[in-house]
N, C-alpha and C. Protein backbone atom coordinates (compact mmCIF):
# COMPACT_ATOMS: atom_id res chain seq x y z
N MET A 1 -6.18 -9.61 -9.32
CA MET A 1 -5.83 -8.79 -10.47
C MET A 1 -7.02 -8.64 -11.42
N TRP A 2 -7.73 -9.74 -11.61
CA TRP A 2 -8.86 -9.70 -12.54
C TRP A 2 -9.89 -8.67 -12.09
N ALA A 3 -10.17 -8.63 -10.79
CA ALA A 3 -11.17 -7.69 -10.27
C ALA A 3 -10.73 -6.25 -10.51
N ILE A 4 -9.46 -5.97 -10.32
CA ILE A 4 -8.94 -4.62 -10.57
C ILE A 4 -9.09 -4.28 -12.05
N ALA A 5 -8.75 -5.25 -12.91
CA ALA A 5 -8.86 -5.02 -14.35
C ALA A 5 -10.30 -4.74 -14.75
N ARG A 6 -11.23 -5.51 -14.21
CA ARG A 6 -12.64 -5.35 -14.60
C ARG A 6 -13.27 -4.11 -13.98
N LEU A 7 -13.13 -3.94 -12.67
CA LEU A 7 -13.85 -2.88 -11.97
C LEU A 7 -13.14 -1.53 -12.04
N ASP A 8 -11.85 -1.51 -11.77
CA ASP A 8 -11.14 -0.23 -11.72
C ASP A 8 -10.69 0.26 -13.10
N LEU A 9 -10.21 -0.65 -13.92
CA LEU A 9 -9.70 -0.25 -15.23
C LEU A 9 -10.75 -0.38 -16.33
N GLY A 10 -11.86 -1.07 -16.07
CA GLY A 10 -12.93 -1.20 -17.05
C GLY A 10 -12.59 -2.08 -18.24
N LEU A 11 -11.69 -3.03 -18.05
CA LEU A 11 -11.30 -3.92 -19.14
C LEU A 11 -12.28 -5.07 -19.29
N THR A 12 -12.43 -5.56 -20.51
CA THR A 12 -13.23 -6.76 -20.73
C THR A 12 -12.36 -7.97 -20.39
N ASP A 13 -12.99 -9.14 -20.29
CA ASP A 13 -12.22 -10.36 -20.04
C ASP A 13 -11.21 -10.60 -21.15
N ASP A 14 -11.61 -10.35 -22.39
CA ASP A 14 -10.70 -10.56 -23.52
C ASP A 14 -9.52 -9.60 -23.47
N GLU A 15 -9.79 -8.34 -23.15
CA GLU A 15 -8.71 -7.36 -23.06
C GLU A 15 -7.72 -7.75 -21.96
N PHE A 16 -8.27 -8.14 -20.82
CA PHE A 16 -7.40 -8.54 -19.72
C PHE A 16 -6.61 -9.80 -20.07
N GLY A 17 -7.27 -10.75 -20.74
CA GLY A 17 -6.61 -12.01 -21.07
C GLY A 17 -5.48 -11.88 -22.06
N THR A 18 -5.51 -10.85 -22.90
CA THR A 18 -4.46 -10.69 -23.91
C THR A 18 -3.34 -9.75 -23.47
N MET A 19 -3.46 -9.19 -22.29
CA MET A 19 -2.44 -8.24 -21.82
C MET A 19 -1.24 -8.97 -21.24
N THR A 20 -0.08 -8.34 -21.41
CA THR A 20 1.11 -8.84 -20.73
C THR A 20 1.12 -8.24 -19.33
N PRO A 21 1.88 -8.83 -18.41
CA PRO A 21 1.97 -8.24 -17.07
C PRO A 21 2.48 -6.80 -17.11
N TYR A 22 3.39 -6.48 -18.03
CA TYR A 22 3.92 -5.12 -18.11
C TYR A 22 2.85 -4.13 -18.58
N GLN A 23 2.01 -4.55 -19.52
CA GLN A 23 0.92 -3.69 -19.96
C GLN A 23 -0.06 -3.44 -18.83
N PHE A 24 -0.40 -4.50 -18.09
CA PHE A 24 -1.32 -4.35 -16.97
C PHE A 24 -0.73 -3.43 -15.91
N GLU A 25 0.55 -3.62 -15.60
CA GLU A 25 1.21 -2.77 -14.61
C GLU A 25 1.21 -1.31 -15.05
N GLY A 26 1.46 -1.07 -16.33
CA GLY A 26 1.44 0.30 -16.85
C GLY A 26 0.08 0.95 -16.71
N LEU A 27 -0.97 0.21 -17.06
CA LEU A 27 -2.32 0.75 -16.91
C LEU A 27 -2.67 1.00 -15.45
N LEU A 28 -2.25 0.09 -14.60
CA LEU A 28 -2.55 0.24 -13.17
C LEU A 28 -1.82 1.45 -12.59
N LYS A 29 -0.56 1.63 -12.96
CA LYS A 29 0.19 2.81 -12.47
C LYS A 29 -0.48 4.10 -12.92
N ARG A 30 -0.90 4.14 -14.17
CA ARG A 30 -1.56 5.34 -14.69
C ARG A 30 -2.88 5.58 -13.97
N HIS A 31 -3.62 4.51 -13.70
CA HIS A 31 -4.87 4.65 -12.97
C HIS A 31 -4.63 5.22 -11.58
N LEU A 32 -3.59 4.73 -10.90
CA LEU A 32 -3.29 5.23 -9.56
C LEU A 32 -2.84 6.69 -9.60
N GLN A 33 -2.09 7.08 -10.64
CA GLN A 33 -1.69 8.49 -10.79
C GLN A 33 -2.92 9.37 -10.98
N GLN A 34 -3.85 8.90 -11.80
CA GLN A 34 -5.07 9.66 -12.05
C GLN A 34 -5.89 9.81 -10.77
N ARG A 35 -5.99 8.73 -10.00
CA ARG A 35 -6.73 8.79 -8.74
C ARG A 35 -6.07 9.77 -7.77
N GLU A 36 -4.75 9.74 -7.70
CA GLU A 36 -4.04 10.66 -6.79
C GLU A 36 -4.23 12.11 -7.25
N HIS A 37 -4.25 12.34 -8.55
CA HIS A 37 -4.47 13.69 -9.07
C HIS A 37 -5.86 14.18 -8.68
N GLN A 38 -6.87 13.32 -8.79
CA GLN A 38 -8.23 13.69 -8.39
C GLN A 38 -8.29 13.99 -6.90
N GLU A 39 -7.61 13.18 -6.10
CA GLU A 39 -7.57 13.45 -4.66
C GLU A 39 -6.93 14.81 -4.40
N PHE A 40 -5.86 15.12 -5.15
CA PHE A 40 -5.18 16.40 -4.95
C PHE A 40 -6.10 17.56 -5.27
N LEU A 41 -6.87 17.44 -6.36
CA LEU A 41 -7.78 18.52 -6.71
C LEU A 41 -8.83 18.74 -5.63
N PHE A 42 -9.39 17.67 -5.12
CA PHE A 42 -10.36 17.80 -4.02
C PHE A 42 -9.67 18.30 -2.76
N GLY A 43 -8.44 17.87 -2.54
CA GLY A 43 -7.69 18.34 -1.38
C GLY A 43 -7.44 19.84 -1.45
N GLN A 44 -7.13 20.33 -2.65
CA GLN A 44 -6.93 21.77 -2.82
C GLN A 44 -8.20 22.54 -2.49
N LEU A 45 -9.30 22.04 -3.00
CA LEU A 45 -10.59 22.69 -2.75
C LEU A 45 -10.90 22.71 -1.26
N ASN A 46 -10.76 21.56 -0.61
CA ASN A 46 -11.05 21.47 0.82
C ASN A 46 -10.11 22.35 1.64
N ALA A 47 -8.83 22.36 1.28
CA ALA A 47 -7.86 23.19 2.02
C ALA A 47 -8.19 24.67 1.86
N THR A 48 -8.59 25.06 0.67
CA THR A 48 -8.94 26.46 0.43
C THR A 48 -10.15 26.86 1.27
N VAL A 49 -11.17 26.02 1.28
CA VAL A 49 -12.36 26.31 2.08
C VAL A 49 -12.01 26.37 3.56
N ALA A 50 -11.22 25.41 4.02
CA ALA A 50 -10.86 25.37 5.44
C ALA A 50 -10.02 26.58 5.84
N ASN A 51 -9.14 27.02 4.96
CA ASN A 51 -8.22 28.12 5.29
C ASN A 51 -8.83 29.51 5.12
N THR A 52 -9.94 29.62 4.42
CA THR A 52 -10.51 30.95 4.18
C THR A 52 -11.89 31.13 4.83
N GLY A 53 -12.33 30.16 5.58
CA GLY A 53 -13.65 30.25 6.21
C GLY A 53 -13.63 31.18 7.41
N PHE A 54 -14.76 31.23 8.09
CA PHE A 54 -14.89 32.10 9.26
C PHE A 54 -14.04 31.62 10.42
N ALA A 55 -13.89 30.33 10.56
CA ALA A 55 -13.10 29.77 11.67
C ALA A 55 -11.81 29.18 11.09
N ARG A 56 -10.91 30.06 10.72
CA ARG A 56 -9.65 29.62 10.12
C ARG A 56 -8.82 28.84 11.13
N PRO A 57 -8.15 27.78 10.66
CA PRO A 57 -7.31 27.01 11.58
C PRO A 57 -6.03 27.79 11.92
N GLU A 58 -5.48 27.48 13.09
CA GLU A 58 -4.23 28.12 13.49
C GLU A 58 -3.10 27.78 12.52
N ASN A 59 -3.03 26.50 12.17
CA ASN A 59 -2.05 26.05 11.18
C ASN A 59 -2.82 25.78 9.89
N PRO A 60 -2.46 26.45 8.80
CA PRO A 60 -3.20 26.27 7.56
C PRO A 60 -3.19 24.81 7.09
N ALA A 61 -4.32 24.38 6.58
CA ALA A 61 -4.44 23.02 6.05
C ALA A 61 -3.78 22.97 4.67
N ALA A 62 -3.23 21.82 4.36
CA ALA A 62 -2.63 21.59 3.05
C ALA A 62 -3.48 20.58 2.30
N PRO A 63 -3.41 20.57 0.98
CA PRO A 63 -4.20 19.59 0.22
C PRO A 63 -3.99 18.16 0.67
N ARG A 64 -2.76 17.80 1.02
CA ARG A 64 -2.48 16.42 1.43
C ARG A 64 -3.21 16.03 2.72
N ASP A 65 -3.62 17.03 3.51
CA ASP A 65 -4.39 16.74 4.72
C ASP A 65 -5.75 16.13 4.40
N PHE A 66 -6.20 16.30 3.16
CA PHE A 66 -7.51 15.80 2.74
C PHE A 66 -7.39 14.66 1.73
N MET A 67 -6.18 14.13 1.58
CA MET A 67 -5.94 13.08 0.59
C MET A 67 -5.73 11.74 1.30
N PRO A 68 -6.68 10.81 1.17
CA PRO A 68 -6.52 9.51 1.83
C PRO A 68 -5.23 8.78 1.44
N SER A 69 -4.78 8.94 0.20
CA SER A 69 -3.57 8.22 -0.22
C SER A 69 -2.31 8.77 0.45
N GLN A 70 -2.38 9.97 1.00
CA GLN A 70 -1.21 10.58 1.61
C GLN A 70 -1.15 10.39 3.13
N ARG A 71 -2.17 9.77 3.67
CA ARG A 71 -2.16 9.53 5.12
C ARG A 71 -1.16 8.44 5.43
N VAL A 72 -0.37 8.68 6.43
CA VAL A 72 0.60 7.68 6.85
C VAL A 72 -0.05 6.80 7.91
N LYS A 73 -0.05 5.54 7.63
CA LYS A 73 -0.62 4.61 8.60
C LYS A 73 0.42 4.34 9.68
N PRO A 74 0.01 4.48 10.93
CA PRO A 74 0.98 4.20 11.98
C PRO A 74 1.38 2.73 11.96
N THR A 75 2.66 2.52 12.07
CA THR A 75 3.16 1.15 12.08
C THR A 75 3.74 0.85 13.45
N GLU A 76 3.50 -0.36 13.87
CA GLU A 76 4.06 -0.77 15.15
C GLU A 76 5.50 -1.19 14.92
N PRO A 77 6.37 -0.83 15.84
CA PRO A 77 7.77 -1.22 15.66
C PRO A 77 7.91 -2.74 15.70
N VAL A 78 8.72 -3.23 14.82
CA VAL A 78 8.96 -4.67 14.74
C VAL A 78 10.17 -5.02 15.60
N GLU A 79 9.95 -5.94 16.50
CA GLU A 79 11.07 -6.37 17.33
C GLU A 79 11.90 -7.37 16.53
N ARG A 80 13.16 -7.07 16.38
CA ARG A 80 14.03 -7.94 15.61
C ARG A 80 14.85 -8.82 16.53
N MET A 81 15.12 -10.01 16.05
CA MET A 81 15.95 -10.94 16.82
C MET A 81 17.40 -10.52 16.72
N THR A 82 18.13 -10.80 17.76
CA THR A 82 19.57 -10.61 17.68
C THR A 82 20.13 -11.78 16.88
N ALA A 83 21.38 -11.68 16.49
CA ALA A 83 22.01 -12.76 15.73
C ALA A 83 22.04 -14.04 16.56
N GLN A 84 22.28 -13.90 17.86
CA GLN A 84 22.33 -15.08 18.72
C GLN A 84 20.95 -15.72 18.84
N GLU A 85 19.89 -14.91 19.00
CA GLU A 85 18.53 -15.44 19.09
C GLU A 85 18.13 -16.14 17.79
N PHE A 86 18.53 -15.56 16.67
CA PHE A 86 18.23 -16.17 15.37
C PHE A 86 18.94 -17.51 15.24
N SER A 87 20.20 -17.54 15.62
CA SER A 87 20.98 -18.78 15.55
C SER A 87 20.35 -19.86 16.43
N GLN A 88 19.93 -19.49 17.64
CA GLN A 88 19.29 -20.45 18.54
C GLN A 88 17.98 -20.97 17.95
N ALA A 89 17.21 -20.08 17.33
CA ALA A 89 15.94 -20.49 16.74
C ALA A 89 16.17 -21.46 15.58
N ILE A 90 17.17 -21.21 14.76
CA ILE A 90 17.47 -22.09 13.62
C ILE A 90 17.95 -23.45 14.12
N HIS A 91 18.80 -23.44 15.15
CA HIS A 91 19.28 -24.71 15.70
C HIS A 91 18.14 -25.52 16.32
N ALA A 92 17.22 -24.84 17.01
CA ALA A 92 16.07 -25.53 17.59
C ALA A 92 15.17 -26.10 16.49
N LEU A 93 14.98 -25.36 15.42
CA LEU A 93 14.18 -25.84 14.30
C LEU A 93 14.83 -27.07 13.67
N ALA A 94 16.14 -27.01 13.48
CA ALA A 94 16.86 -28.14 12.89
C ALA A 94 16.78 -29.36 13.80
N ALA A 95 16.87 -29.14 15.11
CA ALA A 95 16.81 -30.26 16.06
C ALA A 95 15.41 -30.90 16.02
N ARG A 96 14.35 -30.08 15.96
CA ARG A 96 12.99 -30.64 15.87
C ARG A 96 12.80 -31.42 14.58
N HIS A 97 13.34 -30.91 13.51
CA HIS A 97 13.23 -31.59 12.21
C HIS A 97 13.98 -32.93 12.24
N ALA A 98 15.17 -32.91 12.83
CA ALA A 98 15.96 -34.15 12.93
C ALA A 98 15.26 -35.16 13.82
N ALA A 99 14.64 -34.70 14.90
CA ALA A 99 13.95 -35.61 15.81
C ALA A 99 12.73 -36.24 15.11
N ARG A 100 12.09 -35.50 14.27
CA ARG A 100 10.95 -36.03 13.53
C ARG A 100 11.37 -37.10 12.52
N LEU A 101 12.52 -36.89 11.91
CA LEU A 101 13.02 -37.85 10.93
C LEU A 101 13.53 -39.12 11.57
N GLY A 102 14.00 -39.00 12.80
CA GLY A 102 14.50 -40.16 13.51
C GLY A 102 15.95 -40.48 13.10
N PRO A 103 16.51 -41.51 13.70
CA PRO A 103 17.91 -41.86 13.37
C PRO A 103 18.00 -42.40 11.95
N ASP A 104 19.17 -42.24 11.35
CA ASP A 104 19.39 -42.71 9.97
C ASP A 104 19.31 -44.18 9.85
């Protein structure tokens, strides 16, 4: 958090030290909105150039196509345990814990 306050928000150590978490969160949200707005402006410019050049794309580009914050990162599907598998895992964990503790 300190690095974000110093480098991205330009706060001094004293300013950062006297802020409440809500104040810091508010400044950070505003900073992110400003960054996204700047990306949008550059995205508009790039989309306009791409769509009006000599080699126009078949599908027109949109500003979000040039905005890093709007790119969706591919996520790998998470394999979830069934209720029975979860129950077996918890029972095995409890049994290992009990074995480590030994008899009462």
